Amino acid sequence: MNEISLKEYETVRGNGAGFYEQKRGLIEVSGAEAVMFLNGLITNDVKTLAESSSMLAAFPNAQGRLLAAVRVLKIEDKFIFETEAETYEKVLQNLSRFTLAGDFKVQDLTEEFSCVSIRSDSVQSSKFAVQGFGFPTSETEATTNVFDGENVFVIRAFRANGFDVFVPKISKESFTEELKNLSAVEIGEETREVLRVENGEPKYGADMSEATIVPELGIDNLISYNKGCYIGQEIIARIHFRGHVAKKLTGIVLEENVVLDGNEEIKSSDGKNAGRITSTVLSPKLGKQIALAYVRYDYLAEGTELKVNETIAKVKNLPFVENLI
């Protein structure tokens, strides 16, 4: 890492806080039949989602493969879907096709809001008293606050210490200035990538795609196995009740800091194929080259010794860096 990004990294992992803007899709769903339609489309059960809370979910296709990973917020009896920019169009199309089938309304909020992500390993939520509003205190809480007279949505970051704040674009600059006044620093793309891999956050197009079967992500609370039918449910349920997936996204720690391109084959100690790497970075926190990787079931136990090219690598459960708040 260069000197500037190392400073940013040490701020987030040390005694400070960092922030950055990321492109996300934001889509609001409402209507008396919203729960019925949504539960036929996604892996989790929105019927169980409490007011001012959030849940993880996935949109699968008929073969149980991933179209998009999302977070769903319930705010004032409306469901707000947020997802990566790469999958936003697919989510919008999936939702919009049911607007003529019943009391099911879809509103695209993407161009109205910016996502400002705050990351900090040491600063608790009370530090960020931005114009008097608080931040979620639990992993599933979703809060609505007011900044500059505009509504702001806030959720806890996935597998990371921090928060994702959806602020109206007209107020984004004043919001980030407020963060700078609290001594938060803006962090660049290189630093963000290191933090992402350390936190075990899969990225669409790198660590997941339409070739990914949803349970292979290995994300807790992403799938409900108690609700009714939805697209792809039969295959996903069959994998679950069989007992395990054939492979799963997990962590790999390499014993030597070698240059990797992010698509290397992983082999067992006896030379058998054990999986493949999807993303890799050098972790300053661990002083090791680390990677996200799909590893075959027989080799998933933490500490299992594998090889990448001629380098010894060991399996590590995600996240690499402990979530502190």
C-alpha atoms as a PDB file:
ATOM      1  CA  MET A   1       0.000   0.000   0.000  1.00  0.00           C
ATOM      2  CA  ASN A   2       1.220   3.504  -0.659  1.00  0.00           C
ATOM      3  CA  GLU A   3       1.850   5.963   2.165  1.00  0.00           C
ATOM      4  CA  ILE A   4      -1.462   7.801   1.812  1.00  0.00           C
ATOM      5  CA  SER A   5      -3.643   4.668   1.799  1.00  0.00           C
ATOM      6  CA  LEU A   6      -1.658   3.188   4.703  1.00  0.00           C
ATOM      7  CA  LYS A   7      -2.453   6.317   6.712  1.00  0.00           C
ATOM      8  CA  GLU A   8      -6.133   5.911   5.840  1.00  0.00           C
ATOM      9  CA  TYR A   9      -6.018   2.245   6.830  1.00  0.00           C
ATOM     10  CA  GLU A  10      -4.366   2.938  10.175  1.00  0.00           C
ATOM     11  CA  THR A  11      -6.963   5.619  10.913  1.00  0.00           C
ATOM     12  CA  VAL A  12      -9.829   3.148  10.469  1.00  0.00           C
ATOM     13  CA  ARG A  13      -8.065   0.265  12.238  1.00  0.00           C
ATOM     14  CA  GLY A  14      -6.640   2.520  14.929  1.00  0.00           C
ATOM     15  CA  ASN A  15      -8.164   5.353  16.928  1.00  0.00           C
ATOM     16  CA  GLY A  16     -10.084   7.174  14.220  1.00  0.00           C
ATOM     17  CA  ALA A  17     -12.788   6.802  11.613  1.00  0.00           C
ATOM     18  CA  GLY A  18     -12.982   6.859   7.844  1.00  0.00           C
ATOM     19  CA  PHE A  19     -15.778   7.350   5.357  1.00  0.00           C
ATOM     20  CA  TYR A  20     -16.381   6.926   1.630  1.00  0.00           C
ATOM     21  CA  GLU A  21     -19.224   7.141  -0.841  1.00  0.00           C
ATOM     22  CA  GLN A  22     -20.273   3.964  -2.615  1.00  0.00           C
ATOM     23  CA  LYS A  23     -22.767   3.432  -5.399  1.00  0.00           C
ATOM     24  CA  ARG A  24     -25.770   1.431  -4.226  1.00  0.00           C
ATOM     25  CA  GLY A  25     -29.250   0.813  -5.560  1.00  0.00           C
ATOM     26  CA  LEU A  26     -32.163   1.853  -3.320  1.00  0.00           C
ATOM     27  CA  ILE A  27     -35.708   0.729  -4.106  1.00  0.00           C
ATOM     28  CA  GLU A  28     -38.882   1.219  -2.048  1.00  0.00           C
ATOM     29  CA  VAL A  29     -41.731  -1.325  -2.082  1.00  0.00           C
ATOM     30  CA  SER A  30     -45.152  -0.779  -0.521  1.00  0.00           C
ATOM     31  CA  GLY A  31     -48.740  -1.962  -0.812  1.00  0.00           C
ATOM     32  CA  ALA A  32     -51.119  -4.323   0.950  1.00  0.00           C
ATOM     33  CA  GLU A  33     -49.822  -7.312  -1.033  1.00  0.00           C
ATOM     34  CA  ALA A  34     -46.111  -6.446  -0.724  1.00  0.00           C
ATOM     35  CA  VAL A  35     -45.314  -9.226   1.756  1.00  0.00           C
ATOM     36  CA  MET A  36     -46.988 -11.901  -0.383  1.00  0.00           C
ATOM     37  CA  PHE A  37     -45.172 -10.891  -3.575  1.00  0.00           C
ATOM     38  CA  LEU A  38     -41.798 -10.333  -1.891  1.00  0.00           C
ATOM     39  CA  ASN A  39     -41.837 -13.687  -0.144  1.00  0.00           C
ATOM     40  CA  GLY A  40     -42.216 -15.340  -3.537  1.00  0.00           C
ATOM     41  CA  LEU A  41     -39.061 -13.629  -4.806  1.00  0.00           C
ATOM     42  CA  ILE A  42     -36.409 -13.651  -2.066  1.00  0.00           C
ATOM     43  CA  THR A  43     -34.781 -16.160   0.269  1.00  0.00           C
ATOM     44  CA  ASN A  44     -35.698 -14.531   3.574  1.00  0.00           C
ATOM     45  CA  ASP A  45     -39.104 -14.023   5.196  1.00  0.00           C
ATOM     46  CA  VAL A  46     -40.168 -10.359   5.157  1.00  0.00           C
ATOM     47  CA  LYS A  47     -43.240 -11.301   7.190  1.00  0.00           C
ATOM     48  CA  THR A  48     -40.924 -11.602  10.208  1.00  0.00           C
ATOM     49  CA  LEU A  49     -39.233  -8.227   9.630  1.00  0.00           C
ATOM     50  CA  ALA A  50     -40.053  -5.840  12.471  1.00  0.00           C
ATOM     51  CA  GLU A  51     -40.545  -2.114  12.079  1.00  0.00           C
ATOM     52  CA  SER A  52     -37.255  -0.141  12.016  1.00  0.00           C
ATOM     53  CA  SER A  53     -35.170  -3.236  11.375  1.00  0.00           C
ATOM     54  CA  SER A  54     -33.289  -4.851   8.503  1.00  0.00           C
ATOM     55  CA  MET A  55     -32.489  -8.314   7.163  1.00  0.00           C
ATOM     56  CA  LEU A  56     -30.241  -9.928   4.588  1.00  0.00           C
ATOM     57  CA  ALA A  57     -31.774 -11.721   1.610  1.00  0.00           C
ATOM     58  CA  ALA A  58     -30.992 -12.922  -1.893  1.00  0.00           C
ATOM     59  CA  PHE A  59     -32.858 -12.949  -5.204  1.00  0.00           C
ATOM     60  CA  PRO A  60     -32.272 -16.422  -6.710  1.00  0.00           C
ATOM     61  CA  ASN A  61     -33.214 -17.683 -10.152  1.00  0.00           C
ATOM     62  CA  ALA A  62     -35.138 -20.904 -10.762  1.00  0.00           C
ATOM     63  CA  GLN A  63     -31.899 -22.906 -10.414  1.00  0.00           C
ATOM     64  CA  GLY A  64     -31.140 -21.398  -6.980  1.00  0.00           C
ATOM     65  CA  ARG A  65     -28.331 -19.261  -8.391  1.00  0.00           C
ATOM     66  CA  LEU A  66     -27.714 -15.721  -7.249  1.00  0.00           C
ATOM     67  CA  LEU A  67     -29.202 -12.765  -9.092  1.00  0.00           C
ATOM     68  CA  ALA A  68     -28.507 -10.271  -6.297  1.00  0.00           C
ATOM     69  CA  ALA A  69     -27.718 -10.050  -2.606  1.00  0.00           C
ATOM     70  CA  VAL A  70     -29.700  -7.354  -0.792  1.00  0.00           C
ATOM     71  CA  ARG A  71     -30.501  -5.839   2.547  1.00  0.00           C
ATOM     72  CA  VAL A  72     -34.158  -5.116   3.276  1.00  0.00           C
ATOM     73  CA  LEU A  73     -35.211  -2.308   5.615  1.00  0.00           C
ATOM     74  CA  LYS A  74     -38.713  -1.928   7.009  1.00  0.00           C
ATOM     75  CA  ILE A  75     -39.522   1.722   7.623  1.00  0.00           C
ATOM     76  CA  GLU A  76     -43.088   2.884   8.313  1.00  0.00           C
ATOM     77  CA  ASP A  77     -44.640  -0.244   6.750  1.00  0.00           C
ATOM     78  CA  LYS A  78     -42.555   0.188   3.601  1.00  0.00           C
ATOM     79  CA  PHE A  79     -39.791  -2.169   2.494  1.00  0.00           C
ATOM     80  CA  ILE A  80     -36.594  -0.576   1.212  1.00  0.00           C
ATOM     81  CA  PHE A  81     -34.186  -2.762  -0.763  1.00  0.00           C
ATOM     82  CA  GLU A  82     -30.537  -1.774  -1.020  1.00  0.00           C
ATOM     83  CA  THR A  83     -28.051  -3.595  -3.200  1.00  0.00           C
ATOM     84  CA  GLU A  84     -24.816  -3.182  -5.149  1.00  0.00           C
ATOM     85  CA  ALA A  85     -24.794  -0.956  -8.223  1.00  0.00           C
ATOM     86  CA  GLU A  86     -23.977  -4.030 -10.354  1.00  0.00           C
ATOM     87  CA  THR A  87     -27.209  -5.788  -9.351  1.00  0.00           C
ATOM     88  CA  TYR A  88     -29.537  -2.815  -8.930  1.00  0.00           C
ATOM     89  CA  GLU A  89     -31.124  -3.086 -12.405  1.00  0.00           C
ATOM     90  CA  LYS A  90     -31.897  -6.783 -11.921  1.00  0.00           C
ATOM     91  CA  VAL A  91     -33.526  -6.124  -8.541  1.00  0.00           C
ATOM     92  CA  LEU A  92     -35.584  -3.253  -9.962  1.00  0.00           C
ATOM     93  CA  GLN A  93     -36.744  -5.367 -12.911  1.00  0.00           C
ATOM     94  CA  ASN A  94     -37.626  -8.307 -10.665  1.00  0.00           C
ATOM     95  CA  LEU A  95     -39.721  -6.104  -8.418  1.00  0.00           C
ATOM     96  CA  SER A  96     -41.345  -3.919 -11.085  1.00  0.00           C
ATOM     97  CA  ARG A  97     -42.869  -6.777 -13.073  1.00  0.00           C
ATOM     98  CA  PHE A  98     -45.459  -7.341 -10.308  1.00  0.00           C
ATOM     99  CA  THR A  99     -46.794  -3.785 -10.101  1.00  0.00           C
ATOM    100  CA  LEU A 100     -49.766  -4.618 -12.327  1.00  0.00           C
ATOM    101  CA  ALA A 101     -50.578  -7.887 -10.562  1.00  0.00           C
ATOM    102  CA  GLY A 102     -51.982  -6.420  -7.344  1.00  0.00           C
ATOM    103  CA  ASP A 103     -51.502  -3.823  -4.607  1.00  0.00           C
ATOM    104  CA  PHE A 104     -47.745  -3.715  -5.037  1.00  0.00           C
ATOM    105  CA  LYS A 105     -45.956  -0.418  -5.604  1.00  0.00           C
ATOM    106  CA  VAL A 106     -42.285   0.079  -6.522  1.00  0.00           C
ATOM    107  CA  GLN A 107     -40.411   3.374  -6.351  1.00  0.00           C
ATOM    108  CA  ASP A 108     -36.790   3.742  -7.447  1.00  0.00           C
ATOM    109  CA  LEU A 109     -34.931   5.957  -4.932  1.00  0.00           C
ATOM    110  CA  THR A 110     -31.441   5.364  -6.332  1.00  0.00           C
ATOM    111  CA  GLU A 111     -30.990   8.774  -7.923  1.00  0.00           C
ATOM    112  CA  GLU A 112     -32.339  10.552  -4.841  1.00  0.00           C
ATOM    113  CA  PHE A 113     -29.892   9.156  -2.270  1.00  0.00           C
ATOM    114  CA  SER A 114     -26.152   8.741  -1.795  1.00  0.00           C
ATOM    115  CA  CYS A 115     -24.655   5.996   0.353  1.00  0.00           C
ATOM    116  CA  VAL A 116     -21.958   7.300   2.718  1.00  0.00           C
ATOM    117  CA  SER A 117     -20.204   4.456   4.537  1.00  0.00           C
ATOM    118  CA  ILE A 118     -18.554   5.124   7.893  1.00  0.00           C
ATOM    119  CA  ARG A 119     -15.896   2.679   9.119  1.00  0.00           C
ATOM    120  CA  SER A 120     -14.152   2.670  12.504  1.00  0.00           C
ATOM    121  CA  ASP A 121     -12.664   0.000  14.776  1.00  0.00           C
ATOM    122  CA  SER A 122     -12.533   2.155  17.889  1.00  0.00           C
ATOM    123  CA  VAL A 123     -15.177   4.869  17.761  1.00  0.00           C
ATOM    124  CA  GLN A 124     -18.570   3.853  19.145  1.00  0.00           C
ATOM    125  CA  SER A 125     -21.794   5.059  17.569  1.00  0.00           C
ATOM    126  CA  SER A 126     -22.295   7.747  20.235  1.00  0.00           C
ATOM    127  CA  LYS A 127     -19.245   9.589  18.815  1.00  0.00           C
ATOM    128  CA  PHE A 128     -21.135  10.339  15.609  1.00  0.00           C
ATOM    129  CA  ALA A 129     -23.793  12.637  17.037  1.00  0.00           C
ATOM    130  CA  VAL A 130     -24.314  14.214  13.620  1.00  0.00           C
ATOM    131  CA  GLN A 131     -26.766  17.051  14.209  1.00  0.00           C
ATOM    132  CA  GLY A 132     -28.160  15.113  17.151  1.00  0.00           C
ATOM    133  CA  PHE A 133     -29.200  11.825  15.546  1.00  0.00           C
ATOM    134  CA  GLY A 134     -28.061   8.403  16.707  1.00  0.00           C
ATOM    135  CA  PHE A 135     -26.883   5.273  14.943  1.00  0.00           C
ATOM    136  CA  PRO A 136     -28.144   1.677  15.149  1.00  0.00           C
ATOM    137  CA  THR A 137     -27.002  -0.203  18.234  1.00  0.00           C
ATOM    138  CA  SER A 138     -27.731  -3.716  16.937  1.00  0.00           C
ATOM    139  CA  GLU A 139     -26.927  -5.574  13.721  1.00  0.00           C
ATOM    140  CA  THR A 140     -30.552  -5.646  12.561  1.00  0.00           C
ATOM    141  CA  GLU A 141     -31.692  -2.162  13.604  1.00  0.00           C
ATOM    142  CA  ALA A 142     -32.537   0.321  10.850  1.00  0.00           C
ATOM    143  CA  THR A 143     -33.022   3.932  11.863  1.00  0.00           C
ATOM    144  CA  THR A 144     -34.588   6.938  10.188  1.00  0.00           C
ATOM    145  CA  ASN A 145     -33.008  10.236  11.134  1.00  0.00           C
ATOM    146  CA  VAL A 146     -33.273  13.819   9.926  1.00  0.00           C
ATOM    147  CA  PHE A 147     -30.312  15.757   8.540  1.00  0.00           C
ATOM    148  CA  ASP A 148     -30.734  19.249   7.116  1.00  0.00           C
ATOM    149  CA  GLY A 149     -34.479  18.653   7.249  1.00  0.00           C
ATOM    150  CA  GLU A 150     -34.223  15.532   5.052  1.00  0.00           C
ATOM    151  CA  ASN A 151     -34.891  11.889   5.983  1.00  0.00           C
ATOM    152  CA  VAL A 152     -31.790   9.696   6.262  1.00  0.00           C
ATOM    153  CA  PHE A 153     -31.708   5.865   6.484  1.00  0.00           C
ATOM    154  CA  VAL A 154     -28.979   4.204   8.553  1.00  0.00           C
ATOM    155  CA  ILE A 155     -28.039   0.526   8.904  1.00  0.00           C
ATOM    156  CA  ARG A 156     -25.101  -1.316  10.405  1.00  0.00           C
ATOM    157  CA  ALA A 157     -22.399  -2.339   7.957  1.00  0.00           C
ATOM    158  CA  PHE A 158     -22.254  -5.988   6.922  1.00  0.00           C
ATOM    159  CA  ARG A 159     -19.358  -7.821   8.625  1.00  0.00           C
ATOM    160  CA  ALA A 160     -17.643  -4.511   9.354  1.00  0.00           C
ATOM    161  CA  ASN A 161     -17.323  -1.995  12.148  1.00  0.00           C
ATOM    162  CA  GLY A 162     -19.420   0.941  11.045  1.00  0.00           C
ATOM    163  CA  PHE A 163     -22.579   2.150   9.359  1.00  0.00           C
ATOM    164  CA  ASP A 164     -24.027   2.743   5.907  1.00  0.00           C
ATOM    165  CA  VAL A 165     -25.918   6.022   5.710  1.00  0.00           C
ATOM    166  CA  PHE A 166     -28.350   6.778   2.873  1.00  0.00           C
ATOM    167  CA  VAL A 167     -28.532  10.558   2.742  1.00  0.00           C
ATOM    168  CA  PRO A 168     -30.393  12.638   0.119  1.00  0.00           C
ATOM    169  CA  LYS A 169     -27.952  13.768  -2.553  1.00  0.00           C
ATOM    170  CA  ILE A 170     -28.772  17.421  -1.934  1.00  0.00           C
ATOM    171  CA  SER A 171     -27.423  17.002   1.626  1.00  0.00           C
ATOM    172  CA  LYS A 172     -24.473  14.700   0.918  1.00  0.00           C
ATOM    173  CA  GLU A 173     -21.773  17.368   0.881  1.00  0.00           C
ATOM    174  CA  SER A 174     -22.896  18.935   4.143  1.00  0.00           C
ATOM    175  CA  PHE A 175     -23.115  15.454   5.703  1.00  0.00           C
ATOM    176  CA  THR A 176     -19.560  14.533   4.721  1.00  0.00           C
ATOM    177  CA  GLU A 177     -18.352  17.920   5.960  1.00  0.00           C
ATOM    178  CA  GLU A 178     -19.975  17.113   9.286  1.00  0.00           C
ATOM    179  CA  LEU A 179     -18.030  13.843   9.375  1.00  0.00           C
ATOM    180  CA  LYS A 180     -14.791  15.693   8.645  1.00  0.00           C
ATOM    181  CA  ASN A 181     -15.598  18.038  11.534  1.00  0.00           C
ATOM    182  CA  LEU A 182     -15.685  14.908  13.700  1.00  0.00           C
ATOM    183  CA  SER A 183     -12.131  14.095  12.455  1.00  0.00           C
ATOM    184  CA  ALA A 184     -13.240  11.320  10.095  1.00  0.00           C
ATOM    185  CA  VAL A 185     -11.009  10.974   7.012  1.00  0.00           C
ATOM    186  CA  GLU A 186     -12.085  10.109   3.479  1.00  0.00           C
ATOM    187  CA  ILE A 187     -10.653   6.754   2.425  1.00  0.00           C
ATOM    188  CA  GLY A 188      -9.733   5.728  -1.112  1.00  0.00           C
ATOM    189  CA  GLU A 189     -10.518   2.711  -3.241  1.00  0.00           C
ATOM    190  CA  GLU A 190      -7.346   0.765  -2.428  1.00  0.00           C
ATOM    191  CA  THR A 191      -7.895   1.047   1.321  1.00  0.00           C
ATOM    192  CA  ARG A 192     -11.558   0.156   0.933  1.00  0.00           C
ATOM    193  CA  GLU A 193     -10.647  -3.030  -0.940  1.00  0.00           C
ATOM    194  CA  VAL A 194      -8.287  -4.146   1.825  1.00  0.00           C
ATOM    195  CA  LEU A 195     -10.948  -3.489   4.465  1.00  0.00           C
ATOM    196  CA  ARG A 196     -13.559  -5.328   2.373  1.00  0.00           C
ATOM    197  CA  VAL A 197     -11.525  -8.512   2.105  1.00  0.00           C
ATOM    198  CA  GLU A 198     -10.436  -8.365   5.759  1.00  0.00           C
ATOM    199  CA  ASN A 199     -14.105  -8.078   6.732  1.00  0.00           C
ATOM    200  CA  GLY A 200     -15.099 -10.972   4.474  1.00  0.00           C
ATOM    201  CA  GLU A 201     -17.556  -8.927   2.403  1.00  0.00           C
ATOM    202  CA  PRO A 202     -18.252 -10.654  -0.941  1.00  0.00           C
ATOM    203  CA  LYS A 203     -18.440  -8.395  -3.985  1.00  0.00           C
ATOM    204  CA  TYR A 204     -20.654  -9.093  -6.977  1.00  0.00           C
ATOM    205  CA  GLY A 205     -18.577  -9.755 -10.060  1.00  0.00           C
ATOM    206  CA  ALA A 206     -15.562 -10.854  -8.005  1.00  0.00           C
ATOM    207  CA  ASP A 207     -16.712 -13.228  -5.249  1.00  0.00           C
ATOM    208  CA  MET A 208     -20.266 -13.926  -6.397  1.00  0.00           C
ATOM    209  CA  SER A 209     -22.188 -13.998  -9.660  1.00  0.00           C
ATOM    210  CA  GLU A 210     -25.091 -15.732 -11.372  1.00  0.00           C
ATOM    211  CA  ALA A 211     -22.974 -18.894 -11.269  1.00  0.00           C
ATOM    212  CA  THR A 212     -23.093 -18.842  -7.449  1.00  0.00           C
ATOM    213  CA  ILE A 213     -25.651 -21.074  -5.742  1.00  0.00           C
ATOM    214  CA  VAL A 214     -27.014 -18.937  -2.887  1.00  0.00           C
ATOM    215  CA  PRO A 215     -26.037 -21.247   0.050  1.00  0.00           C
ATOM    216  CA  GLU A 216     -22.424 -21.250  -1.196  1.00  0.00           C
ATOM    217  CA  LEU A 217     -22.066 -17.706   0.175  1.00  0.00           C
ATOM    218  CA  GLY A 218     -22.184 -19.125   3.700  1.00  0.00           C
ATOM    219  CA  ILE A 219     -23.852 -15.991   5.091  1.00  0.00           C
ATOM    220  CA  ASP A 220     -25.818 -16.449   8.307  1.00  0.00           C
ATOM    221  CA  ASN A 221     -29.491 -15.404   8.282  1.00  0.00           C
ATOM    222  CA  LEU A 222     -29.578 -14.976   4.502  1.00  0.00           C
ATOM    223  CA  ILE A 223     -32.106 -17.791   3.942  1.00  0.00           C
ATOM    224  CA  SER A 224     -35.301 -18.784   5.747  1.00  0.00           C
ATOM    225  CA  TYR A 225     -36.011 -22.507   5.614  1.00  0.00           C
ATOM    226  CA  ASN A 226     -39.392 -22.146   7.345  1.00  0.00           C
ATOM    227  CA  LYS A 227     -41.379 -19.962   4.950  1.00  0.00           C
ATOM    228  CA  GLY A 228     -43.369 -20.892   1.859  1.00  0.00           C
ATOM    229  CA  CYS A 229     -42.260 -21.343  -1.716  1.00  0.00           C
ATOM    230  CA  TYR A 230     -40.167 -18.855  -3.658  1.00  0.00           C
ATOM    231  CA  ILE A 231     -38.238 -18.929  -6.914  1.00  0.00           C
ATOM    232  CA  GLY A 232     -35.323 -21.381  -6.582  1.00  0.00           C
ATOM    233  CA  GLN A 233     -36.499 -22.651  -3.195  1.00  0.00           C
ATOM    234  CA  GLU A 234     -36.566 -26.342  -4.124  1.00  0.00           C
ATOM    235  CA  ILE A 235     -32.875 -26.484  -5.014  1.00  0.00           C
ATOM    236  CA  ILE A 236     -31.784 -24.311  -2.077  1.00  0.00           C
ATOM    237  CA  ALA A 237     -33.827 -26.410   0.375  1.00  0.00           C
ATOM    238  CA  ARG A 238     -32.485 -29.653  -1.099  1.00  0.00           C
ATOM    239  CA  ILE A 239     -28.905 -28.510  -0.468  1.00  0.00           C
ATOM    240  CA  HIS A 240     -29.783 -27.515   3.099  1.00  0.00           C
ATOM    241  CA  PHE A 241     -31.499 -30.757   4.026  1.00  0.00           C
ATOM    242  CA  ARG A 242     -28.771 -32.784   2.324  1.00  0.00           C
ATOM    243  CA  GLY A 243     -26.516 -31.363   5.021  1.00  0.00           C
ATOM    244  CA  HIS A 244     -23.974 -29.173   3.248  1.00  0.00           C
ATOM    245  CA  VAL A 245     -22.946 -27.376   0.072  1.00  0.00           C
ATOM    246  CA  ALA A 246     -20.288 -28.764  -2.244  1.00  0.00           C
ATOM    247  CA  LYS A 247     -18.186 -25.618  -1.695  1.00  0.00           C
ATOM    248  CA  LYS A 248     -18.430 -22.409   0.318  1.00  0.00           C
ATOM    249  CA  LEU A 249     -16.945 -18.929   0.360  1.00  0.00           C
ATOM    250  CA  THR A 250     -14.402 -18.698   3.161  1.00  0.00           C
ATOM    251  CA  GLY A 251     -11.031 -17.165   4.008  1.00  0.00           C
ATOM    252  CA  ILE A 252      -7.494 -18.238   3.105  1.00  0.00           C
ATOM    253  CA  VAL A 253      -4.305 -16.998   4.790  1.00  0.00           C
ATOM    254  CA  LEU A 254      -1.087 -17.492   2.825  1.00  0.00           C
ATOM    255  CA  GLU A 255       2.188 -18.185   4.598  1.00  0.00           C
ATOM    256  CA  GLU A 256       4.143 -16.061   2.103  1.00  0.00           C
ATOM    257  CA  ASN A 257       3.281 -12.681   0.573  1.00  0.00           C
ATOM    258  CA  VAL A 258       3.146 -13.668  -3.082  1.00  0.00           C
ATOM    259  CA  VAL A 259       1.555 -11.816  -6.000  1.00  0.00           C
ATOM    260  CA  LEU A 260      -1.801 -13.346  -6.989  1.00  0.00           C
ATOM    261  CA  ASP A 261      -4.297 -12.342  -9.660  1.00  0.00           C
ATOM    262  CA  GLY A 262      -7.392 -13.413  -7.740  1.00  0.00           C
ATOM    263  CA  ASN A 263      -8.312 -16.527  -9.715  1.00  0.00           C
ATOM    264  CA  GLU A 264      -5.731 -19.106  -8.674  1.00  0.00           C
ATOM    265  CA  GLU A 265      -6.564 -22.746  -8.099  1.00  0.00           C
ATOM    266  CA  ILE A 266      -6.269 -24.070  -4.548  1.00  0.00           C
ATOM    267  CA  LYS A 267      -4.994 -27.605  -4.061  1.00  0.00           C
ATOM    268  CA  SER A 268      -4.994 -30.041  -1.171  1.00  0.00           C
ATOM    269  CA  SER A 269      -1.778 -31.399   0.335  1.00  0.00           C
ATOM    270  CA  ASP A 270      -2.061 -34.431  -1.955  1.00  0.00           C
ATOM    271  CA  GLY A 271      -2.570 -32.333  -5.089  1.00  0.00           C
ATOM    272  CA  LYS A 272      -6.354 -32.532  -5.485  1.00  0.00           C
ATOM    273  CA  ASN A 273      -8.428 -29.525  -6.489  1.00  0.00           C
ATOM    274  CA  ALA A 274      -9.694 -27.857  -3.314  1.00  0.00           C
ATOM    275  CA  GLY A 275     -11.195 -24.651  -4.715  1.00  0.00           C
ATOM    276  CA  ARG A 276     -10.259 -21.289  -6.184  1.00  0.00           C
ATOM    277  CA  ILE A 277      -9.395 -17.776  -5.013  1.00  0.00           C
ATOM    278  CA  THR A 278     -11.721 -14.882  -5.862  1.00  0.00           C
ATOM    279  CA  SER A 279     -10.201 -11.787  -4.156  1.00  0.00           C
ATOM    280  CA  THR A 280      -6.827 -11.244  -2.507  1.00  0.00           C
ATOM    281  CA  VAL A 281      -5.040  -8.423  -0.629  1.00  0.00           C
ATOM    282  CA  LEU A 282      -2.097  -7.905   1.671  1.00  0.00           C
ATOM    283  CA  SER A 283      -3.503  -7.314   5.164  1.00  0.00           C
ATOM    284  CA  PRO A 284      -1.488  -4.814   7.254  1.00  0.00           C
ATOM    285  CA  LYS A 285      -3.441  -5.907  10.354  1.00  0.00           C
ATOM    286  CA  LEU A 286      -2.421  -9.551   9.978  1.00  0.00           C
ATOM    287  CA  GLY A 287       0.863  -8.984   8.156  1.00  0.00           C
ATOM    288  CA  LYS A 288      -0.208 -11.699   5.702  1.00  0.00           C
ATOM    289  CA  GLN A 289      -1.560 -12.135   2.191  1.00  0.00           C
ATOM    290  CA  ILE A 290      -5.224 -13.086   2.607  1.00  0.00           C
ATOM    291  CA  ALA A 291      -7.914 -14.145   0.159  1.00  0.00           C
ATOM    292  CA  LEU A 292     -11.590 -14.860  -0.214  1.00  0.00           C
ATOM    293  CA  ALA A 293     -12.024 -18.246  -1.844  1.00  0.00           C
ATOM    294  CA  TYR A 294     -14.514 -20.966  -2.658  1.00  0.00           C
ATOM    295  CA  VAL A 295     -13.227 -24.064  -0.882  1.00  0.00           C
ATOM    296  CA  ARG A 296     -14.607 -27.566  -1.319  1.00  0.00           C
ATOM    297  CA  TYR A 297     -16.536 -29.037   1.611  1.00  0.00           C
ATOM    298  CA  ASP A 298     -13.887 -31.613   2.593  1.00  0.00           C
ATOM    299  CA  TYR A 299     -11.341 -28.847   3.249  1.00  0.00           C
ATOM    300  CA  LEU A 300     -13.492 -26.198   4.963  1.00  0.00           C
ATOM    301  CA  ALA A 301     -12.398 -26.794   8.566  1.00  0.00           C
ATOM    302  CA  GLU A 302     -10.527 -23.785   9.936  1.00  0.00           C
ATOM    303  CA  GLY A 303      -6.785 -24.376   9.939  1.00  0.00           C
ATOM    304  CA  THR A 304      -6.838 -26.902   7.094  1.00  0.00           C
ATOM    305  CA  GLU A 305      -3.527 -26.647   5.244  1.00  0.00           C
ATOM    306  CA  LEU A 306      -3.782 -26.193   1.480  1.00  0.00           C
ATOM    307  CA  LYS A 307      -1.526 -24.886  -1.304  1.00  0.00           C
ATOM    308  CA  VAL A 308      -1.781 -22.020  -3.783  1.00  0.00           C
ATOM    309  CA  ASN A 309       0.846 -22.643  -6.450  1.00  0.00           C
ATOM    310  CA  GLU A 310       3.816 -23.542  -4.216  1.00  0.00           C
ATOM    311  CA  THR A 311       2.705 -21.437  -1.242  1.00  0.00           C
ATOM    312  CA  ILE A 312       1.164 -22.979   1.886  1.00  0.00           C
ATOM    313  CA  ALA A 313      -2.246 -21.536   2.754  1.00  0.00           C
ATOM    314  CA  LYS A 314      -4.595 -22.169   5.679  1.00  0.00           C
ATOM    315  CA  VAL A 315      -8.372 -21.927   5.841  1.00  0.00           C
ATOM    316  CA  LYS A 316      -9.725 -19.098   8.019  1.00  0.00           C
ATOM    317  CA  ASN A 317     -13.367 -18.547   8.939  1.00  0.00           C
ATOM    318  CA  LEU A 318     -14.724 -15.126   7.990  1.00  0.00           C
ATOM    319  CA  PRO A 319     -14.267 -12.339   8.868  1.00  0.00           C
ATOM    320  CA  PHE A 320     -10.477 -12.180   9.061  1.00  0.00           C
ATOM    321  CA  VAL A 321     -10.659  -9.213  11.445  1.00  0.00           C
ATOM    322  CA  GLU A 322     -13.055  -9.421  14.361  1.00  0.00           C
ATOM    323  CA  ASN A 323     -16.166  -7.250  14.290  1.00  0.00           C
ATOM    324  CA  LEU A 324     -15.919  -5.190  17.470  1.00  0.00           C
ATOM    325  CA  ILE A 325     -19.166  -3.225  17.632  1.00  0.00           C
END
